Amino acid sequence: MAYRNKTYVAFDGDNDMRYYNLMKAWKQSDSTYFNFYDAHDLNTARDSSMTESIKRQLAIRMANSKIFVLLLGEKTKYLTRFVKWEVEHALYLNLPIIVVNINGRRDVDSERMPTWLNNQLCICCSFNSSIMQYSLENWEDLHYQYQKDPEKRGTQRYWTDNVYKSLGL
């Protein structure tokens, strides 16, 4: 079994690449601590024209991940070719899922949330390095705790205003 220490990020590559690039910049910034290990840039898919080849490469990357981040944009819920598959594979691997609202919402954005995440345990947060770092540090343990509780197992959650205030947001 692979050692899981990466953060896997799924997003709309056509419309939301700038948010992914900003996350990468946070990781490299001297002024912002962001514990983000990029699973996407480990290696490239060998045959970009073959869906199954790409999915195999994504599965390898996900197998090395301990947490799954979905950047939730305006069109994410319509991306069934790869993003839906990535989310379903993350669920299959039982990876904790962090849904990041790039529009700044702090709670569950029911208008943008993909139906394939209905009744699935995940945490939602806004697109900000501080709350995302907090989510990466805290959601994994909570995810596994909530999984053991039938009442909390299939719920979409979000951080309270007190968490944001404690982070200066």
N, C-alpha and C. Protein backbone atom coordinates (compact mmCIF):
# COMPACT_ATOMS: atom_id res chain seq x y z
N MET A 1 0.85 -1.20 0.00
CA MET A 1 0.00 0.00 0.00
C MET A 1 0.88 1.24 0.00
N ALA A 2 0.48 2.24 -0.75
CA ALA A 2 1.24 3.48 -0.87
C ALA A 2 1.12 4.30 0.42
N TYR A 3 2.17 5.04 0.70
CA TYR A 3 2.16 5.95 1.83
C TYR A 3 1.39 7.20 1.42
N ARG A 4 0.34 7.48 2.13
CA ARG A 4 -0.52 8.61 1.79
C ARG A 4 -0.08 9.87 2.52
N ASN A 5 0.46 10.83 1.79
CA ASN A 5 0.86 12.08 2.41
C ASN A 5 0.58 13.29 1.53
N LYS A 6 -0.16 13.11 0.48
CA LYS A 6 -0.42 14.20 -0.48
C LYS A 6 -1.84 14.72 -0.32
N THR A 7 -2.04 15.91 -0.88
CA THR A 7 -3.36 16.50 -0.98
C THR A 7 -3.76 16.47 -2.45
N TYR A 8 -4.85 15.81 -2.74
CA TYR A 8 -5.34 15.72 -4.12
C TYR A 8 -6.33 16.84 -4.35
N VAL A 9 -6.17 17.59 -5.42
CA VAL A 9 -7.05 18.71 -5.72
C VAL A 9 -7.74 18.46 -7.06
N ALA A 10 -9.07 18.49 -7.06
CA ALA A 10 -9.86 18.38 -8.29
C ALA A 10 -10.53 19.73 -8.53
N PHE A 11 -10.64 20.08 -9.81
CA PHE A 11 -11.21 21.39 -10.14
C PHE A 11 -11.55 21.42 -11.63
N ASP A 12 -12.25 22.46 -12.02
CA ASP A 12 -12.59 22.72 -13.41
C ASP A 12 -11.37 23.34 -14.07
N GLY A 13 -10.63 22.53 -14.81
CA GLY A 13 -9.39 22.99 -15.42
C GLY A 13 -9.59 24.07 -16.47
N ASP A 14 -10.77 24.15 -17.05
CA ASP A 14 -11.03 25.17 -18.07
C ASP A 14 -11.36 26.53 -17.46
N ASN A 15 -12.03 26.53 -16.31
CA ASN A 15 -12.51 27.79 -15.75
C ASN A 15 -11.89 28.20 -14.42
N ASP A 16 -11.33 27.26 -13.68
CA ASP A 16 -10.88 27.56 -12.32
C ASP A 16 -9.39 27.31 -12.10
N MET A 17 -8.63 27.24 -13.15
CA MET A 17 -7.19 26.99 -13.05
C MET A 17 -6.49 28.06 -12.21
N ARG A 18 -6.94 29.30 -12.29
CA ARG A 18 -6.28 30.38 -11.54
C ARG A 18 -6.35 30.14 -10.03
N TYR A 19 -7.42 29.51 -9.56
CA TYR A 19 -7.54 29.23 -8.13
C TYR A 19 -6.56 28.12 -7.72
N TYR A 20 -6.43 27.14 -8.55
CA TYR A 20 -5.45 26.08 -8.30
C TYR A 20 -4.03 26.67 -8.31
N ASN A 21 -3.74 27.54 -9.27
CA ASN A 21 -2.43 28.17 -9.33
C ASN A 21 -2.18 29.05 -8.10
N LEU A 22 -3.22 29.70 -7.61
CA LEU A 22 -3.07 30.50 -6.39
C LEU A 22 -2.75 29.60 -5.20
N MET A 23 -3.38 28.44 -5.12
CA MET A 23 -3.05 27.50 -4.05
C MET A 23 -1.58 27.10 -4.13
N LYS A 24 -1.09 26.85 -5.32
CA LYS A 24 0.31 26.51 -5.50
C LYS A 24 1.21 27.67 -5.07
N ALA A 25 0.77 28.89 -5.33
CA ALA A 25 1.54 30.07 -4.92
C ALA A 25 1.56 30.19 -3.39
N TRP A 26 0.44 29.88 -2.73
CA TRP A 26 0.42 29.90 -1.27
C TRP A 26 1.45 28.93 -0.72
N LYS A 27 1.55 27.79 -1.34
CA LYS A 27 2.49 26.77 -0.90
C LYS A 27 3.92 27.28 -0.97
N GLN A 28 4.22 28.07 -1.99
CA GLN A 28 5.58 28.54 -2.21
C GLN A 28 5.87 29.89 -1.55
N SER A 29 4.87 30.54 -1.04
CA SER A 29 5.03 31.87 -0.47
C SER A 29 5.83 31.83 0.84
N ASP A 30 6.67 32.81 1.02
CA ASP A 30 7.43 32.92 2.27
C ASP A 30 6.57 33.44 3.41
N SER A 31 5.51 34.17 3.09
CA SER A 31 4.70 34.80 4.13
C SER A 31 3.48 33.99 4.53
N THR A 32 3.14 32.95 3.80
CA THR A 32 1.96 32.15 4.10
C THR A 32 2.36 30.71 4.29
N TYR A 33 2.01 30.15 5.45
CA TYR A 33 2.26 28.75 5.70
C TYR A 33 1.07 27.97 5.15
N PHE A 34 1.32 27.12 4.20
CA PHE A 34 0.24 26.33 3.62
C PHE A 34 0.77 24.94 3.34
N ASN A 35 0.34 24.00 4.15
CA ASN A 35 0.84 22.64 4.08
C ASN A 35 0.11 21.87 2.98
N PHE A 36 0.51 22.13 1.76
CA PHE A 36 -0.18 21.60 0.60
C PHE A 36 0.80 20.80 -0.23
N TYR A 37 0.60 19.50 -0.30
CA TYR A 37 1.42 18.63 -1.12
C TYR A 37 0.64 18.31 -2.38
N ASP A 38 1.16 18.73 -3.47
CA ASP A 38 0.46 18.73 -4.74
C ASP A 38 0.51 17.36 -5.42
N ALA A 39 -0.58 16.64 -5.41
CA ALA A 39 -0.63 15.33 -6.05
C ALA A 39 -0.76 15.42 -7.56
N HIS A 40 -1.24 16.54 -8.08
CA HIS A 40 -1.44 16.65 -9.53
C HIS A 40 -0.15 16.75 -10.31
N ASP A 41 0.87 17.32 -9.74
CA ASP A 41 2.09 17.56 -10.48
C ASP A 41 3.14 16.46 -10.29
N LEU A 42 2.77 15.32 -9.74
CA LEU A 42 3.74 14.25 -9.53
C LEU A 42 4.25 13.69 -10.85
N ASN A 43 3.35 13.44 -11.76
CA ASN A 43 3.73 13.01 -13.11
C ASN A 43 2.55 13.32 -14.02
N THR A 44 2.76 13.24 -15.31
CA THR A 44 1.70 13.60 -16.24
C THR A 44 1.09 12.36 -16.85
N ALA A 45 -0.16 12.47 -17.23
CA ALA A 45 -0.82 11.36 -17.91
C ALA A 45 -0.10 11.11 -19.24
N ARG A 46 0.13 9.86 -19.56
CA ARG A 46 0.95 9.52 -20.71
C ARG A 46 0.24 9.77 -22.05
N ASP A 47 -1.03 9.55 -22.10
CA ASP A 47 -1.76 9.72 -23.35
C ASP A 47 -2.98 10.58 -23.06
N SER A 48 -2.84 11.87 -23.28
CA SER A 48 -3.91 12.78 -22.89
C SER A 48 -5.17 12.62 -23.73
N SER A 49 -5.11 11.85 -24.79
CA SER A 49 -6.29 11.66 -25.62
C SER A 49 -7.13 10.47 -25.15
N MET A 50 -6.62 9.69 -24.24
CA MET A 50 -7.32 8.47 -23.81
C MET A 50 -7.86 8.65 -22.39
N THR A 51 -9.17 8.67 -22.27
CA THR A 51 -9.82 8.87 -20.98
C THR A 51 -9.35 7.85 -19.95
N GLU A 52 -9.30 6.58 -20.31
CA GLU A 52 -8.91 5.54 -19.35
C GLU A 52 -7.46 5.69 -18.90
N SER A 53 -6.59 6.12 -19.79
CA SER A 53 -5.19 6.36 -19.43
C SER A 53 -5.10 7.49 -18.41
N ILE A 54 -5.85 8.54 -18.62
CA ILE A 54 -5.85 9.66 -17.69
C ILE A 54 -6.40 9.22 -16.34
N LYS A 55 -7.48 8.47 -16.34
CA LYS A 55 -8.07 8.01 -15.09
C LYS A 55 -7.11 7.10 -14.33
N ARG A 56 -6.35 6.27 -15.03
CA ARG A 56 -5.35 5.42 -14.36
C ARG A 56 -4.30 6.28 -13.66
N GLN A 57 -3.83 7.32 -14.34
CA GLN A 57 -2.84 8.21 -13.73
C GLN A 57 -3.44 8.97 -12.54
N LEU A 58 -4.68 9.40 -12.67
CA LEU A 58 -5.33 10.09 -11.56
C LEU A 58 -5.50 9.15 -10.37
N ALA A 59 -5.84 7.90 -10.63
CA ALA A 59 -6.01 6.92 -9.55
C ALA A 59 -4.70 6.69 -8.81
N ILE A 60 -3.59 6.67 -9.54
CA ILE A 60 -2.28 6.51 -8.90
C ILE A 60 -1.99 7.70 -8.00
N ARG A 61 -2.27 8.89 -8.49
CA ARG A 61 -2.05 10.09 -7.68
C ARG A 61 -2.93 10.08 -6.44
N MET A 62 -4.18 9.68 -6.63
CA MET A 62 -5.11 9.66 -5.51
C MET A 62 -4.72 8.61 -4.48
N ALA A 63 -4.13 7.51 -4.92
CA ALA A 63 -3.70 6.46 -3.99
C ALA A 63 -2.60 6.97 -3.05
N ASN A 64 -1.90 8.02 -3.44
CA ASN A 64 -0.86 8.61 -2.60
C ASN A 64 -1.37 9.79 -1.79
N SER A 65 -2.67 9.99 -1.80
CA SER A 65 -3.26 11.16 -1.13
C SER A 65 -3.95 10.76 0.15
N LYS A 66 -3.91 11.67 1.12
CA LYS A 66 -4.59 11.42 2.39
C LYS A 66 -5.85 12.26 2.53
N ILE A 67 -5.99 13.25 1.65
CA ILE A 67 -7.16 14.12 1.71
C ILE A 67 -7.48 14.62 0.30
N PHE A 68 -8.74 14.90 0.05
CA PHE A 68 -9.23 15.30 -1.27
C PHE A 68 -9.85 16.68 -1.17
N VAL A 69 -9.41 17.60 -2.03
CA VAL A 69 -9.95 18.95 -2.07
C VAL A 69 -10.66 19.13 -3.41
N LEU A 70 -11.90 19.61 -3.34
CA LEU A 70 -12.65 19.94 -4.55
C LEU A 70 -12.85 21.45 -4.58
N LEU A 71 -12.24 22.10 -5.58
CA LEU A 71 -12.49 23.53 -5.78
C LEU A 71 -13.83 23.65 -6.49
N LEU A 72 -14.79 24.25 -5.81
CA LEU A 72 -16.16 24.30 -6.30
C LEU A 72 -16.42 25.63 -7.00
N GLY A 73 -16.45 25.56 -8.32
CA GLY A 73 -16.72 26.73 -9.13
C GLY A 73 -18.13 26.72 -9.68
N GLU A 74 -18.38 27.66 -10.54
CA GLU A 74 -19.71 27.84 -11.11
C GLU A 74 -20.16 26.64 -11.94
N LYS A 75 -19.23 25.98 -12.64
CA LYS A 75 -19.60 24.90 -13.55
C LYS A 75 -19.16 23.51 -13.08
N THR A 76 -18.58 23.41 -11.89
CA THR A 76 -18.04 22.15 -11.41
C THR A 76 -19.07 21.03 -11.43
N LYS A 77 -20.28 21.31 -11.03
CA LYS A 77 -21.29 20.25 -10.92
C LYS A 77 -21.67 19.63 -12.27
N TYR A 78 -21.27 20.26 -13.35
CA TYR A 78 -21.57 19.73 -14.68
C TYR A 78 -20.43 18.90 -15.26
N LEU A 79 -19.32 18.79 -14.54
CA LEU A 79 -18.14 18.10 -15.06
C LEU A 79 -18.19 16.62 -14.70
N THR A 80 -18.80 15.84 -15.56
CA THR A 80 -19.00 14.43 -15.26
C THR A 80 -17.91 13.52 -15.83
N ARG A 81 -17.11 14.02 -16.76
CA ARG A 81 -16.10 13.16 -17.38
C ARG A 81 -14.96 12.82 -16.42
N PHE A 82 -14.37 13.83 -15.78
CA PHE A 82 -13.26 13.57 -14.88
C PHE A 82 -13.55 13.96 -13.43
N VAL A 83 -14.09 15.15 -13.19
CA VAL A 83 -14.27 15.60 -11.81
C VAL A 83 -15.23 14.68 -11.06
N LYS A 84 -16.32 14.32 -11.67
CA LYS A 84 -17.26 13.40 -11.01
C LYS A 84 -16.55 12.08 -10.71
N TRP A 85 -15.81 11.56 -11.67
CA TRP A 85 -15.07 10.32 -11.45
C TRP A 85 -14.07 10.48 -10.30
N GLU A 86 -13.37 11.63 -10.24
CA GLU A 86 -12.41 11.87 -9.16
C GLU A 86 -13.09 11.87 -7.80
N VAL A 87 -14.23 12.54 -7.70
CA VAL A 87 -14.97 12.57 -6.44
C VAL A 87 -15.43 11.16 -6.07
N GLU A 88 -15.98 10.44 -7.02
CA GLU A 88 -16.45 9.07 -6.74
C GLU A 88 -15.29 8.16 -6.33
N HIS A 89 -14.12 8.35 -6.95
CA HIS A 89 -12.97 7.55 -6.58
C HIS A 89 -12.47 7.92 -5.18
N ALA A 90 -12.52 9.21 -4.85
CA ALA A 90 -12.15 9.64 -3.50
C ALA A 90 -13.08 9.02 -2.46
N LEU A 91 -14.37 8.96 -2.77
CA LEU A 91 -15.33 8.32 -1.87
C LEU A 91 -15.02 6.83 -1.74
N TYR A 92 -14.70 6.19 -2.85
CA TYR A 92 -14.35 4.77 -2.85
C TYR A 92 -13.11 4.51 -1.96
N LEU A 93 -12.14 5.43 -2.03
CA LEU A 93 -10.93 5.30 -1.22
C LEU A 93 -11.11 5.80 0.21
N ASN A 94 -12.30 6.32 0.51
CA ASN A 94 -12.62 6.85 1.83
C ASN A 94 -11.72 8.02 2.21
N LEU A 95 -11.43 8.88 1.24
CA LEU A 95 -10.63 10.06 1.53
C LEU A 95 -11.52 11.16 2.12
N PRO A 96 -11.05 11.84 3.15
CA PRO A 96 -11.79 13.00 3.65
C PRO A 96 -11.87 14.05 2.54
N ILE A 97 -13.05 14.65 2.37
CA ILE A 97 -13.28 15.60 1.28
C ILE A 97 -13.51 17.00 1.85
N ILE A 98 -12.74 17.95 1.31
CA ILE A 98 -12.91 19.36 1.62
C ILE A 98 -13.43 20.04 0.36
N VAL A 99 -14.60 20.65 0.45
CA VAL A 99 -15.18 21.38 -0.68
C VAL A 99 -14.90 22.86 -0.45
N VAL A 100 -14.19 23.46 -1.39
CA VAL A 100 -13.77 24.85 -1.25
C VAL A 100 -14.58 25.72 -2.20
N ASN A 101 -15.38 26.59 -1.63
CA ASN A 101 -16.22 27.50 -2.42
C ASN A 101 -15.37 28.65 -2.93
N ILE A 102 -15.08 28.66 -4.22
CA ILE A 102 -14.23 29.74 -4.74
C ILE A 102 -14.97 31.07 -4.80
N ASN A 103 -16.29 31.06 -4.61
CA ASN A 103 -17.06 32.30 -4.59
C ASN A 103 -17.05 32.95 -3.20
N GLY A 104 -16.34 32.35 -2.25
CA GLY A 104 -16.20 32.95 -0.92
C GLY A 104 -17.21 32.48 0.12
N ARG A 105 -18.21 31.73 -0.27
CA ARG A 105 -19.19 31.25 0.71
C ARG A 105 -18.52 30.36 1.73
N ARG A 106 -18.98 30.45 2.96
CA ARG A 106 -18.40 29.68 4.05
C ARG A 106 -19.20 28.42 4.38
N ASP A 107 -20.40 28.33 3.86
CA ASP A 107 -21.26 27.19 4.18
C ASP A 107 -21.45 26.32 2.94
N VAL A 108 -22.41 25.43 3.00
CA VAL A 108 -22.72 24.57 1.85
C VAL A 108 -23.42 25.40 0.79
N ASP A 109 -22.84 25.48 -0.37
CA ASP A 109 -23.43 26.22 -1.48
C ASP A 109 -24.29 25.25 -2.27
N SER A 110 -25.56 25.14 -1.90
CA SER A 110 -26.45 24.14 -2.49
C SER A 110 -26.69 24.36 -3.98
N GLU A 111 -26.52 25.58 -4.46
CA GLU A 111 -26.70 25.84 -5.89
C GLU A 111 -25.55 25.31 -6.72
N ARG A 112 -24.36 25.29 -6.15
CA ARG A 112 -23.17 24.83 -6.89
C ARG A 112 -22.75 23.40 -6.53
N MET A 113 -23.22 22.89 -5.41
CA MET A 113 -22.79 21.57 -4.96
C MET A 113 -23.26 20.49 -5.94
N PRO A 114 -22.35 19.65 -6.41
CA PRO A 114 -22.75 18.57 -7.32
C PRO A 114 -23.67 17.57 -6.62
N THR A 115 -24.64 17.06 -7.35
CA THR A 115 -25.56 16.08 -6.75
C THR A 115 -24.84 14.81 -6.33
N TRP A 116 -23.69 14.52 -6.95
CA TRP A 116 -22.96 13.32 -6.59
C TRP A 116 -22.30 13.43 -5.23
N LEU A 117 -22.40 14.60 -4.58
CA LEU A 117 -21.94 14.73 -3.20
C LEU A 117 -23.10 14.77 -2.21
N ASN A 118 -24.33 14.63 -2.71
CA ASN A 118 -25.48 14.56 -1.81
C ASN A 118 -25.31 13.37 -0.87
N ASN A 119 -25.63 13.59 0.38
CA ASN A 119 -25.56 12.55 1.41
C ASN A 119 -24.16 11.97 1.59
N GLN A 120 -23.15 12.77 1.30
CA GLN A 120 -21.76 12.35 1.50
C GLN A 120 -21.11 13.25 2.55
N LEU A 121 -20.31 12.66 3.39
CA LEU A 121 -19.61 13.40 4.43
C LEU A 121 -18.52 14.25 3.80
N CYS A 122 -18.58 15.55 4.03
CA CYS A 122 -17.56 16.48 3.55
C CYS A 122 -17.65 17.75 4.38
N ILE A 123 -16.63 18.58 4.28
CA ILE A 123 -16.62 19.88 4.94
C ILE A 123 -16.51 20.96 3.87
N CYS A 124 -17.23 22.04 4.03
CA CYS A 124 -17.18 23.15 3.08
C CYS A 124 -16.51 24.35 3.75
N CYS A 125 -15.76 25.09 2.95
CA CYS A 125 -15.12 26.30 3.45
C CYS A 125 -14.95 27.28 2.30
N SER A 126 -14.56 28.49 2.65
CA SER A 126 -14.31 29.50 1.62
C SER A 126 -12.90 29.34 1.07
N PHE A 127 -12.64 30.00 -0.04
CA PHE A 127 -11.32 29.96 -0.68
C PHE A 127 -10.44 31.00 -0.02
N ASN A 128 -9.67 30.57 0.96
CA ASN A 128 -8.77 31.43 1.71
C ASN A 128 -7.69 30.53 2.30
N SER A 129 -6.44 30.96 2.26
CA SER A 129 -5.35 30.08 2.70
C SER A 129 -5.46 29.69 4.17
N SER A 130 -5.92 30.59 5.02
CA SER A 130 -5.99 30.28 6.46
C SER A 130 -7.03 29.20 6.76
N ILE A 131 -8.23 29.35 6.21
CA ILE A 131 -9.27 28.36 6.49
C ILE A 131 -8.98 27.04 5.77
N MET A 132 -8.34 27.13 4.63
CA MET A 132 -7.97 25.89 3.94
C MET A 132 -6.89 25.15 4.72
N GLN A 133 -5.92 25.88 5.27
CA GLN A 133 -4.90 25.24 6.09
C GLN A 133 -5.55 24.60 7.32
N TYR A 134 -6.47 25.33 7.95
CA TYR A 134 -7.19 24.80 9.10
C TYR A 134 -7.94 23.52 8.72
N SER A 135 -8.57 23.54 7.56
CA SER A 135 -9.32 22.36 7.10
C SER A 135 -8.38 21.18 6.87
N LEU A 136 -7.24 21.42 6.25
CA LEU A 136 -6.28 20.35 6.00
C LEU A 136 -5.75 19.76 7.30
N GLU A 137 -5.59 20.59 8.31
CA GLU A 137 -5.06 20.12 9.59
C GLU A 137 -6.11 19.45 10.47
N ASN A 138 -7.39 19.79 10.30
CA ASN A 138 -8.41 19.33 11.24
C ASN A 138 -9.47 18.41 10.67
N TRP A 139 -9.74 18.47 9.38
CA TRP A 139 -10.86 17.72 8.83
C TRP A 139 -10.61 16.22 8.80
N GLU A 140 -9.40 15.80 8.54
CA GLU A 140 -9.13 14.37 8.42
C GLU A 140 -9.57 13.60 9.67
N ASP A 141 -9.15 14.02 10.84
CA ASP A 141 -9.54 13.33 12.08
C ASP A 141 -11.04 13.40 12.32
N LEU A 142 -11.63 14.58 12.10
CA LEU A 142 -13.08 14.72 12.28
C LEU A 142 -13.85 13.84 11.31
N HIS A 143 -13.38 13.76 10.08
CA HIS A 143 -14.02 12.91 9.07
C HIS A 143 -14.14 11.47 9.59
N TYR A 144 -13.05 10.93 10.08
CA TYR A 144 -13.07 9.54 10.55
C TYR A 144 -13.90 9.37 11.82
N GLN A 145 -13.93 10.40 12.67
CA GLN A 145 -14.81 10.35 13.85
C GLN A 145 -16.28 10.35 13.43
N TYR A 146 -16.62 11.26 12.51
CA TYR A 146 -18.02 11.38 12.07
C TYR A 146 -18.48 10.12 11.33
N GLN A 147 -17.58 9.47 10.65
CA GLN A 147 -17.95 8.24 9.92
C GLN A 147 -18.46 7.17 10.86
N LYS A 148 -18.00 7.17 12.08
CA LYS A 148 -18.41 6.16 13.05
C LYS A 148 -19.79 6.43 13.62
N ASP A 149 -20.29 7.66 13.44
CA ASP A 149 -21.59 8.06 13.97
C ASP A 149 -22.61 8.06 12.84
N PRO A 150 -23.58 7.13 12.86
CA PRO A 150 -24.56 7.04 11.76
C PRO A 150 -25.31 8.34 11.50
N GLU A 151 -25.51 9.17 12.51
CA GLU A 151 -26.24 10.42 12.33
C GLU A 151 -25.40 11.48 11.62
N LYS A 152 -24.09 11.37 11.68
CA LYS A 152 -23.21 12.36 11.08
C LYS A 152 -22.55 11.87 9.81
N ARG A 153 -22.67 10.60 9.53
CA ARG A 153 -21.92 9.97 8.44
C ARG A 153 -22.18 10.60 7.08
N GLY A 154 -23.40 10.88 6.72
CA GLY A 154 -23.72 11.37 5.38
C GLY A 154 -24.11 12.83 5.35
N THR A 155 -23.37 13.66 6.06
CA THR A 155 -23.77 15.07 6.12
C THR A 155 -22.69 15.98 5.56
N GLN A 156 -23.14 17.03 4.94
CA GLN A 156 -22.25 18.08 4.46
C GLN A 156 -22.15 19.10 5.59
N ARG A 157 -20.94 19.46 5.93
CA ARG A 157 -20.70 20.32 7.06
C ARG A 157 -19.95 21.57 6.63
N TYR A 158 -19.82 22.53 7.56
CA TYR A 158 -19.01 23.71 7.33
C TYR A 158 -18.51 24.21 8.68
N TRP A 159 -17.43 24.97 8.65
CA TRP A 159 -16.86 25.51 9.87
C TRP A 159 -17.73 26.66 10.38
N THR A 160 -17.82 26.78 11.70
CA THR A 160 -18.64 27.84 12.30
C THR A 160 -17.94 29.20 12.16
N ASP A 161 -18.70 30.25 12.38
CA ASP A 161 -18.13 31.60 12.33
C ASP A 161 -17.02 31.76 13.37
N ASN A 162 -17.12 31.05 14.50
CA ASN A 162 -16.09 31.14 15.52
C ASN A 162 -14.74 30.65 15.02
N VAL A 163 -14.75 29.62 14.17
CA VAL A 163 -13.50 29.13 13.60
C VAL A 163 -12.89 30.20 12.70
N TYR A 164 -13.70 30.81 11.86
CA TYR A 164 -13.21 31.87 10.99
C TYR A 164 -12.66 33.04 11.82
N LYS A 165 -13.40 33.42 12.88
CA LYS A 165 -12.94 34.53 13.74
C LYS A 165 -11.62 34.19 14.41
N SER A 166 -11.45 32.95 14.84
CA SER A 166 -10.19 32.55 15.49
C SER A 166 -9.00 32.63 14.54
N LEU A 167 -9.29 32.56 13.24
CA LEU A 167 -8.25 32.66 12.23
C LEU A 167 -8.07 34.08 11.71
N GLY A 168 -8.83 35.01 12.29
CA GLY A 168 -8.74 36.41 11.88
C GLY A 168 -9.49 36.72 10.60
N LEU A 169 -10.46 35.89 10.28
CA LEU A 169 -11.23 36.08 9.04
C LEU A 169 -12.63 36.60 9.32
